[in-house]
Structure formats: structure tokens, C-alpha cells
Amino acid sequence: MDKVFIGIPILNRLDLLRRCVASIDYPAEIVIVNNNSVDSTFNGEIRRFAQERGIELLHQERNLGVSASFN
């Protein structure tokens, strides 16, 4: 079965990210783009979440905004 690539930009909403990832029912390479969250608690939680699920996590140096995050 083929794999698809899914990039998910996120900012401070781990609850929505969990729901999003749980809804993926097709083999996929998933990359989460943390759009420069300044919440250190969130950053630790998202790091653990990504490690537990084998998902690549990228951290932006600055908030790029929604459109740039999607691109």
C-alpha cells in the first residue's frame, strides 16, 4: 500500500492535534510543524507526543502565520 505525506502546522492546541492524528486511517508519513509556540509546557508535551508515535517534529524559529505554515 502506498503512503501519503501529511504536514500538520500547529500552535498551542495539542488536543486538536491528537484528534487529527487519531483520525488518520491510511498509511502516512506525518510531519508536525510547531509554528513557534512560546509555551514551554506545550513544547514538552508535543515533543513527547511526536516521539511516542514516531512522528517527525519541526520547530519554526518564528511564527510564519497560517499560509506560510501550510506551504
PDB file of N, CA and C in Angstrom:
ATOM      1  N   MET A   1       0.840  -1.180   0.000  1.00  0.00           N
ATOM      2  CA  MET A   1       0.000   0.000   0.000  1.00  0.00           C
ATOM      3  C   MET A   1       0.887   1.246   0.000  1.00  0.00           C
ATOM      4  N   ASP A   2       0.515   2.227  -0.784  1.00  0.00           N
ATOM      5  CA  ASP A   2       1.264   3.479  -0.855  1.00  0.00           C
ATOM      6  C   ASP A   2       1.092   4.280   0.426  1.00  0.00           C
ATOM      7  N   LYS A   3       2.057   5.173   0.658  1.00  0.00           N
ATOM      8  CA  LYS A   3       1.995   6.098   1.782  1.00  0.00           C
ATOM      9  C   LYS A   3       1.752   7.493   1.259  1.00  0.00           C
ATOM     10  N   VAL A   4       1.058   8.287   2.041  1.00  0.00           N
ATOM     11  CA  VAL A   4       0.882   9.693   1.710  1.00  0.00           C
ATOM     12  C   VAL A   4       1.687  10.518   2.708  1.00  0.00           C
ATOM     13  N   PHE A   5       1.961  11.758   2.351  1.00  0.00           N
ATOM     14  CA  PHE A   5       2.644  12.683   3.239  1.00  0.00           C
ATOM     15  C   PHE A   5       1.615  13.644   3.798  1.00  0.00           C
ATOM     16  N   ILE A   6       1.635  13.819   5.121  1.00  0.00           N
ATOM     17  CA  ILE A   6       0.717  14.757   5.768  1.00  0.00           C
ATOM     18  C   ILE A   6       1.537  15.699   6.633  1.00  0.00           C
ATOM     19  N   GLY A   7       1.458  16.978   6.339  1.00  0.00           N
ATOM     20  CA  GLY A   7       2.103  18.012   7.148  1.00  0.00           C
ATOM     21  C   GLY A   7       1.033  18.721   7.958  1.00  0.00           C
ATOM     22  N   ILE A   8       1.258  18.838   9.263  1.00  0.00           N
ATOM     23  CA  ILE A   8       0.258  19.441  10.138  1.00  0.00           C
ATOM     24  C   ILE A   8       0.884  20.617  10.890  1.00  0.00           C
ATOM     25  N   PRO A   9       0.532  21.864  10.518  1.00  0.00           N
ATOM     26  CA  PRO A   9       1.005  23.008  11.299  1.00  0.00           C
ATOM     27  C   PRO A   9       0.180  23.107  12.587  1.00  0.00           C
ATOM     28  N   ILE A  10       0.831  23.471  13.686  1.00  0.00           N
ATOM     29  CA  ILE A  10       0.158  23.503  14.984  1.00  0.00           C
ATOM     30  C   ILE A  10       0.677  24.684  15.803  1.00  0.00           C
ATOM     31  N   LEU A  11      -0.204  25.234  16.626  1.00  0.00           N
ATOM     32  CA  LEU A  11       0.190  26.281  17.564  1.00  0.00           C
ATOM     33  C   LEU A  11      -0.684  26.161  18.805  1.00  0.00           C
ATOM     34  N   ASN A  12      -0.126  25.569  19.847  1.00  0.00           N
ATOM     35  CA  ASN A  12      -0.752  25.536  21.178  1.00  0.00           C
ATOM     36  C   ASN A  12      -2.058  24.761  21.301  1.00  0.00           C
ATOM     37  N   ARG A  13      -2.359  23.834  20.455  1.00  0.00           N
ATOM     38  CA  ARG A  13      -3.606  23.071  20.587  1.00  0.00           C
ATOM     39  C   ARG A  13      -3.323  21.581  20.445  1.00  0.00           C
ATOM     40  N   LEU A  14      -2.685  21.008  21.460  1.00  0.00           N
ATOM     41  CA  LEU A  14      -2.363  19.587  21.435  1.00  0.00           C
ATOM     42  C   LEU A  14      -3.620  18.730  21.378  1.00  0.00           C
ATOM     43  N   ASP A  15      -4.708  19.202  21.995  1.00  0.00           N
ATOM     44  CA  ASP A  15      -5.956  18.432  21.965  1.00  0.00           C
ATOM     45  C   ASP A  15      -6.454  18.232  20.536  1.00  0.00           C
ATOM     46  N   LEU A  16      -6.377  19.273  19.723  1.00  0.00           N
ATOM     47  CA  LEU A  16      -6.807  19.157  18.326  1.00  0.00           C
ATOM     48  C   LEU A  16      -5.831  18.311  17.514  1.00  0.00           C
ATOM     49  N   LEU A  17      -4.541  18.419  17.824  1.00  0.00           N
ATOM     50  CA  LEU A  17      -3.544  17.600  17.131  1.00  0.00           C
ATOM     51  C   LEU A  17      -3.784  16.120  17.402  1.00  0.00           C
ATOM     52  N   ARG A  18      -4.062  15.777  18.653  1.00  0.00           N
ATOM     53  CA  ARG A  18      -4.345  14.377  18.998  1.00  0.00           C
ATOM     54  C   ARG A  18      -5.532  13.852  18.194  1.00  0.00           C
ATOM     55  N   ARG A  19      -6.594  14.638  18.105  1.00  0.00           N
ATOM     56  CA  ARG A  19      -7.780  14.228  17.344  1.00  0.00           C
ATOM     57  C   ARG A  19      -7.457  14.079  15.867  1.00  0.00           C
ATOM     58  N   CYS A  20      -6.674  15.014  15.347  1.00  0.00           N
ATOM     59  CA  CYS A  20      -6.300  14.975  13.934  1.00  0.00           C
ATOM     60  C   CYS A  20      -5.516  13.705  13.621  1.00  0.00           C
ATOM     61  N   VAL A  21      -4.478  13.432  14.405  1.00  0.00           N
ATOM     62  CA  VAL A  21      -3.634  12.257  14.159  1.00  0.00           C
ATOM     63  C   VAL A  21      -4.445  10.972  14.336  1.00  0.00           C
ATOM     64  N   ALA A  22      -5.329  10.943  15.328  1.00  0.00           N
ATOM     65  CA  ALA A  22      -6.151   9.750  15.561  1.00  0.00           C
ATOM     66  C   ALA A  22      -7.101   9.474  14.399  1.00  0.00           C
ATOM     67  N   SER A  23      -7.449  10.492  13.644  1.00  0.00           N
ATOM     68  CA  SER A  23      -8.399  10.313  12.538  1.00  0.00           C
ATOM     69  C   SER A  23      -7.738   9.799  11.259  1.00  0.00           C
ATOM     70  N   ILE A  24      -6.419   9.768  11.211  1.00  0.00           N
ATOM     71  CA  ILE A  24      -5.714   9.314  10.010  1.00  0.00           C
ATOM     72  C   ILE A  24      -5.776   7.795   9.949  1.00  0.00           C
ATOM     73  N   ASP A  25      -6.449   7.291   8.924  1.00  0.00           N
ATOM     74  CA  ASP A  25      -6.658   5.844   8.800  1.00  0.00           C
ATOM     75  C   ASP A  25      -6.037   5.272   7.527  1.00  0.00           C
ATOM     76  N   TYR A  26      -4.966   5.906   7.089  1.00  0.00           N
ATOM     77  CA  TYR A  26      -4.269   5.487   5.888  1.00  0.00           C
ATOM     78  C   TYR A  26      -2.777   5.583   6.188  1.00  0.00           C
ATOM     79  N   PRO A  27      -1.957   4.662   5.690  1.00  0.00           N
ATOM     80  CA  PRO A  27      -0.518   4.755   5.952  1.00  0.00           C
ATOM     81  C   PRO A  27       0.032   6.113   5.508  1.00  0.00           C
ATOM     82  N   ALA A  28       0.683   6.795   6.436  1.00  0.00           N
ATOM     83  CA  ALA A  28       1.126   8.150   6.127  1.00  0.00           C
ATOM     84  C   ALA A  28       2.434   8.466   6.831  1.00  0.00           C
ATOM     85  N   GLU A  29       3.234   9.286   6.173  1.00  0.00           N
ATOM     86  CA  GLU A  29       4.385   9.909   6.801  1.00  0.00           C
ATOM     87  C   GLU A  29       3.879  11.251   7.318  1.00  0.00           C
ATOM     88  N   ILE A  30       3.931  11.447   8.617  1.00  0.00           N
ATOM     89  CA  ILE A  30       3.364  12.646   9.228  1.00  0.00           C
ATOM     90  C   ILE A  30       4.484  13.532   9.743  1.00  0.00           C
ATOM     91  N   VAL A  31       4.381  14.819   9.447  1.00  0.00           N
ATOM     92  CA  VAL A  31       5.310  15.811   9.968  1.00  0.00           C
ATOM     93  C   VAL A  31       4.482  16.900  10.639  1.00  0.00           C
ATOM     94  N   ILE A  32       4.804  17.179  11.894  1.00  0.00           N
ATOM     95  CA  ILE A  32       4.145  18.249  12.637  1.00  0.00           C
ATOM     96  C   ILE A  32       5.056  19.466  12.594  1.00  0.00           C
ATOM     97  N   VAL A  33       4.488  20.619  12.254  1.00  0.00           N
ATOM     98  CA  VAL A  33       5.242  21.870  12.217  1.00  0.00           C
ATOM     99  C   VAL A  33       4.755  22.742  13.373  1.00  0.00           C
ATOM    100  N   ASN A  34       5.596  22.843  14.417  1.00  0.00           N
ATOM    101  CA  ASN A  34       5.276  23.699  15.558  1.00  0.00           C
ATOM    102  C   ASN A  34       5.600  25.127  15.145  1.00  0.00           C
ATOM    103  N   ASN A  35       4.577  25.936  15.015  1.00  0.00           N
ATOM    104  CA  ASN A  35       4.730  27.282  14.465  1.00  0.00           C
ATOM    105  C   ASN A  35       5.174  28.280  15.535  1.00  0.00           C
ATOM    106  N   ASN A  36       6.270  27.944  16.212  1.00  0.00           N
ATOM    107  CA  ASN A  36       6.934  28.792  17.201  1.00  0.00           C
ATOM    108  C   ASN A  36       6.071  29.075  18.431  1.00  0.00           C
ATOM    109  N   SER A  37       5.550  28.027  19.036  1.00  0.00           N
ATOM    110  CA  SER A  37       4.841  28.192  20.297  1.00  0.00           C
ATOM    111  C   SER A  37       5.816  28.679  21.360  1.00  0.00           C
ATOM    112  N   VAL A  38       5.377  29.619  22.181  1.00  0.00           N
ATOM    113  CA  VAL A  38       6.229  30.135  23.256  1.00  0.00           C
ATOM    114  C   VAL A  38       5.888  29.486  24.598  1.00  0.00           C
ATOM    115  N   ASP A  39       4.949  28.548  24.587  1.00  0.00           N
ATOM    116  CA  ASP A  39       4.526  27.846  25.797  1.00  0.00           C
ATOM    117  C   ASP A  39       5.441  26.637  26.023  1.00  0.00           C
ATOM    118  N   SER A  40       6.303  26.711  27.017  1.00  0.00           N
ATOM    119  CA  SER A  40       7.286  25.641  27.239  1.00  0.00           C
ATOM    120  C   SER A  40       6.603  24.328  27.630  1.00  0.00           C
ATOM    121  N   THR A  41       5.485  24.379  28.341  1.00  0.00           N
ATOM    122  CA  THR A  41       4.746  23.166  28.691  1.00  0.00           C
ATOM    123  C   THR A  41       4.236  22.488  27.432  1.00  0.00           C
ATOM    124  N   PHE A  42       3.648  23.259  26.537  1.00  0.00           N
ATOM    125  CA  PHE A  42       3.154  22.730  25.266  1.00  0.00           C
ATOM    126  C   PHE A  42       4.291  22.116  24.462  1.00  0.00           C
ATOM    127  N   ASN A  43       5.423  22.806  24.405  1.00  0.00           N
ATOM    128  CA  ASN A  43       6.561  22.303  23.626  1.00  0.00           C
ATOM    129  C   ASN A  43       7.035  20.953  24.141  1.00  0.00           C
ATOM    130  N   GLY A  44       7.063  20.775  25.454  1.00  0.00           N
ATOM    131  CA  GLY A  44       7.443  19.484  26.014  1.00  0.00           C
ATOM    132  C   GLY A  44       6.425  18.404  25.703  1.00  0.00           C
ATOM    133  N   GLU A  45       5.141  18.754  25.797  1.00  0.00           N
ATOM    134  CA  GLU A  45       4.071  17.787  25.527  1.00  0.00           C
ATOM    135  C   GLU A  45       4.070  17.361  24.062  1.00  0.00           C
ATOM    136  N   ILE A  46       4.260  18.309  23.165  1.00  0.00           N
ATOM    137  CA  ILE A  46       4.230  17.969  21.742  1.00  0.00           C
ATOM    138  C   ILE A  46       5.453  17.128  21.370  1.00  0.00           C
ATOM    139  N   ARG A  47       6.581  17.391  22.026  1.00  0.00           N
ATOM    140  CA  ARG A  47       7.780  16.590  21.786  1.00  0.00           C
ATOM    141  C   ARG A  47       7.533  15.132  22.194  1.00  0.00           C
ATOM    142  N   ARG A  48       6.947  14.932  23.373  1.00  0.00           N
ATOM    143  CA  ARG A  48       6.636  13.574  23.834  1.00  0.00           C
ATOM    144  C   ARG A  48       5.622  12.901  22.916  1.00  0.00           C
ATOM    145  N   PHE A  49       4.587  13.640  22.525  1.00  0.00           N
ATOM    146  CA  PHE A  49       3.555  13.111  21.639  1.00  0.00           C
ATOM    147  C   PHE A  49       4.178  12.610  20.337  1.00  0.00           C
ATOM    148  N   ALA A  50       5.032  13.419  19.723  1.00  0.00           N
ATOM    149  CA  ALA A  50       5.668  13.048  18.457  1.00  0.00           C
ATOM    150  C   ALA A  50       6.575  11.831  18.631  1.00  0.00           C
ATOM    151  N   GLN A  51       7.354  11.796  19.707  1.00  0.00           N
ATOM    152  CA  GLN A  51       8.253  10.660  19.947  1.00  0.00           C
ATOM    153  C   GLN A  51       7.471   9.366  20.148  1.00  0.00           C
ATOM    154  N   GLU A  52       6.399   9.426  20.924  1.00  0.00           N
ATOM    155  CA  GLU A  52       5.591   8.228  21.200  1.00  0.00           C
ATOM    156  C   GLU A  52       5.016   7.625  19.925  1.00  0.00           C
ATOM    157  N   ARG A  53       4.700   8.461  18.962  1.00  0.00           N
ATOM    158  CA  ARG A  53       4.048   7.993  17.738  1.00  0.00           C
ATOM    159  C   ARG A  53       4.972   7.907  16.542  1.00  0.00           C
ATOM    160  N   GLY A  54       6.250   8.216  16.731  1.00  0.00           N
ATOM    161  CA  GLY A  54       7.205   8.143  15.627  1.00  0.00           C
ATOM    162  C   GLY A  54       6.940   9.175  14.549  1.00  0.00           C
ATOM    163  N   ILE A  55       6.493  10.350  14.969  1.00  0.00           N
ATOM    164  CA  ILE A  55       6.162  11.426  14.034  1.00  0.00           C
ATOM    165  C   ILE A  55       7.302  12.444  14.054  1.00  0.00           C
ATOM    166  N   GLU A  56       7.689  12.905  12.871  1.00  0.00           N
ATOM    167  CA  GLU A  56       8.727  13.937  12.792  1.00  0.00           C
ATOM    168  C   GLU A  56       8.153  15.265  13.263  1.00  0.00           C
ATOM    169  N   LEU A  57       8.939  16.009  14.024  1.00  0.00           N
ATOM    170  CA  LEU A  57       8.503  17.293  14.571  1.00  0.00           C
ATOM    171  C   LEU A  57       9.501  18.370  14.177  1.00  0.00           C
ATOM    172  N   LEU A  58       9.010  19.415  13.543  1.00  0.00           N
ATOM    173  CA  LEU A  58       9.837  20.562  13.168  1.00  0.00           C
ATOM    174  C   LEU A  58       9.412  21.770  13.987  1.00  0.00           C
ATOM    175  N   HIS A  59      10.378  22.546  14.434  1.00  0.00           N
ATOM    176  CA  HIS A  59      10.095  23.780  15.189  1.00  0.00           C
ATOM    177  C   HIS A  59      10.529  24.977  14.347  1.00  0.00           C
ATOM    178  N   GLN A  60       9.614  25.884  14.103  1.00  0.00           N
ATOM    179  CA  GLN A  60       9.926  27.108  13.373  1.00  0.00           C
ATOM    180  C   GLN A  60      10.622  28.094  14.309  1.00  0.00           C
ATOM    181  N   GLU A  61      11.545  28.877  13.783  1.00  0.00           N
ATOM    182  CA  GLU A  61      12.248  29.882  14.582  1.00  0.00           C
ATOM    183  C   GLU A  61      11.360  31.075  14.896  1.00  0.00           C
ATOM    184  N   ARG A  62      10.348  31.283  14.071  1.00  0.00           N
ATOM    185  CA  ARG A  62       9.389  32.363  14.312  1.00  0.00           C
ATOM    186  C   ARG A  62       8.051  31.925  13.761  1.00  0.00           C
ATOM    187  N   ASN A  63       6.994  32.553  14.225  1.00  0.00           N
ATOM    188  CA  ASN A  63       5.662  32.222  13.751  1.00  0.00           C
ATOM    189  C   ASN A  63       5.510  32.731  12.327  1.00  0.00           C
ATOM    190  N   LEU A  64       5.296  31.821  11.413  1.00  0.00           N
ATOM    191  CA  LEU A  64       5.210  32.167   9.994  1.00  0.00           C
ATOM    192  C   LEU A  64       3.802  32.560   9.558  1.00  0.00           C
ATOM    193  N   GLY A  65       2.817  32.349  10.410  1.00  0.00           N
ATOM    194  CA  GLY A  65       1.436  32.581  10.028  1.00  0.00           C
ATOM    195  C   GLY A  65       0.882  31.332   9.355  1.00  0.00           C
ATOM    196  N   VAL A  66      -0.426  31.304   9.215  1.00  0.00           N
ATOM    197  CA  VAL A  66      -1.099  30.111   8.713  1.00  0.00           C
ATOM    198  C   VAL A  66      -0.692  29.776   7.279  1.00  0.00           C
ATOM    199  N   SER A  67      -0.753  30.728   6.391  1.00  0.00           N
ATOM    200  CA  SER A  67      -0.470  30.448   4.973  1.00  0.00           C
ATOM    201  C   SER A  67       0.946  29.916   4.761  1.00  0.00           C
ATOM    202  N   ALA A  68       1.908  30.549   5.379  1.00  0.00           N
ATOM    203  CA  ALA A  68       3.294  30.102   5.224  1.00  0.00           C
ATOM    204  C   ALA A  68       3.506  28.733   5.865  1.00  0.00           C
ATOM    205  N   SER A  69       2.820  28.462   6.957  1.00  0.00           N
ATOM    206  CA  SER A  69       2.936  27.143   7.603  1.00  0.00           C
ATOM    207  C   SER A  69       2.425  26.046   6.694  1.00  0.00           C
ATOM    208  N   PHE A  70       1.331  26.319   5.984  1.00  0.00           N
ATOM    209  CA  PHE A  70       0.794  25.325   5.074  1.00  0.00           C
ATOM    210  C   PHE A  70       1.740  25.062   3.918  1.00  0.00           C
ATOM    211  N   ASN A  71       2.487  26.071   3.519  1.00  0.00           N
ATOM    212  CA  ASN A  71       3.412  25.911   2.390  1.00  0.00           C
ATOM    213  C   ASN A  71       4.738  25.363   2.863  1.00  0.00           C
TER     214      ASN A  71
END
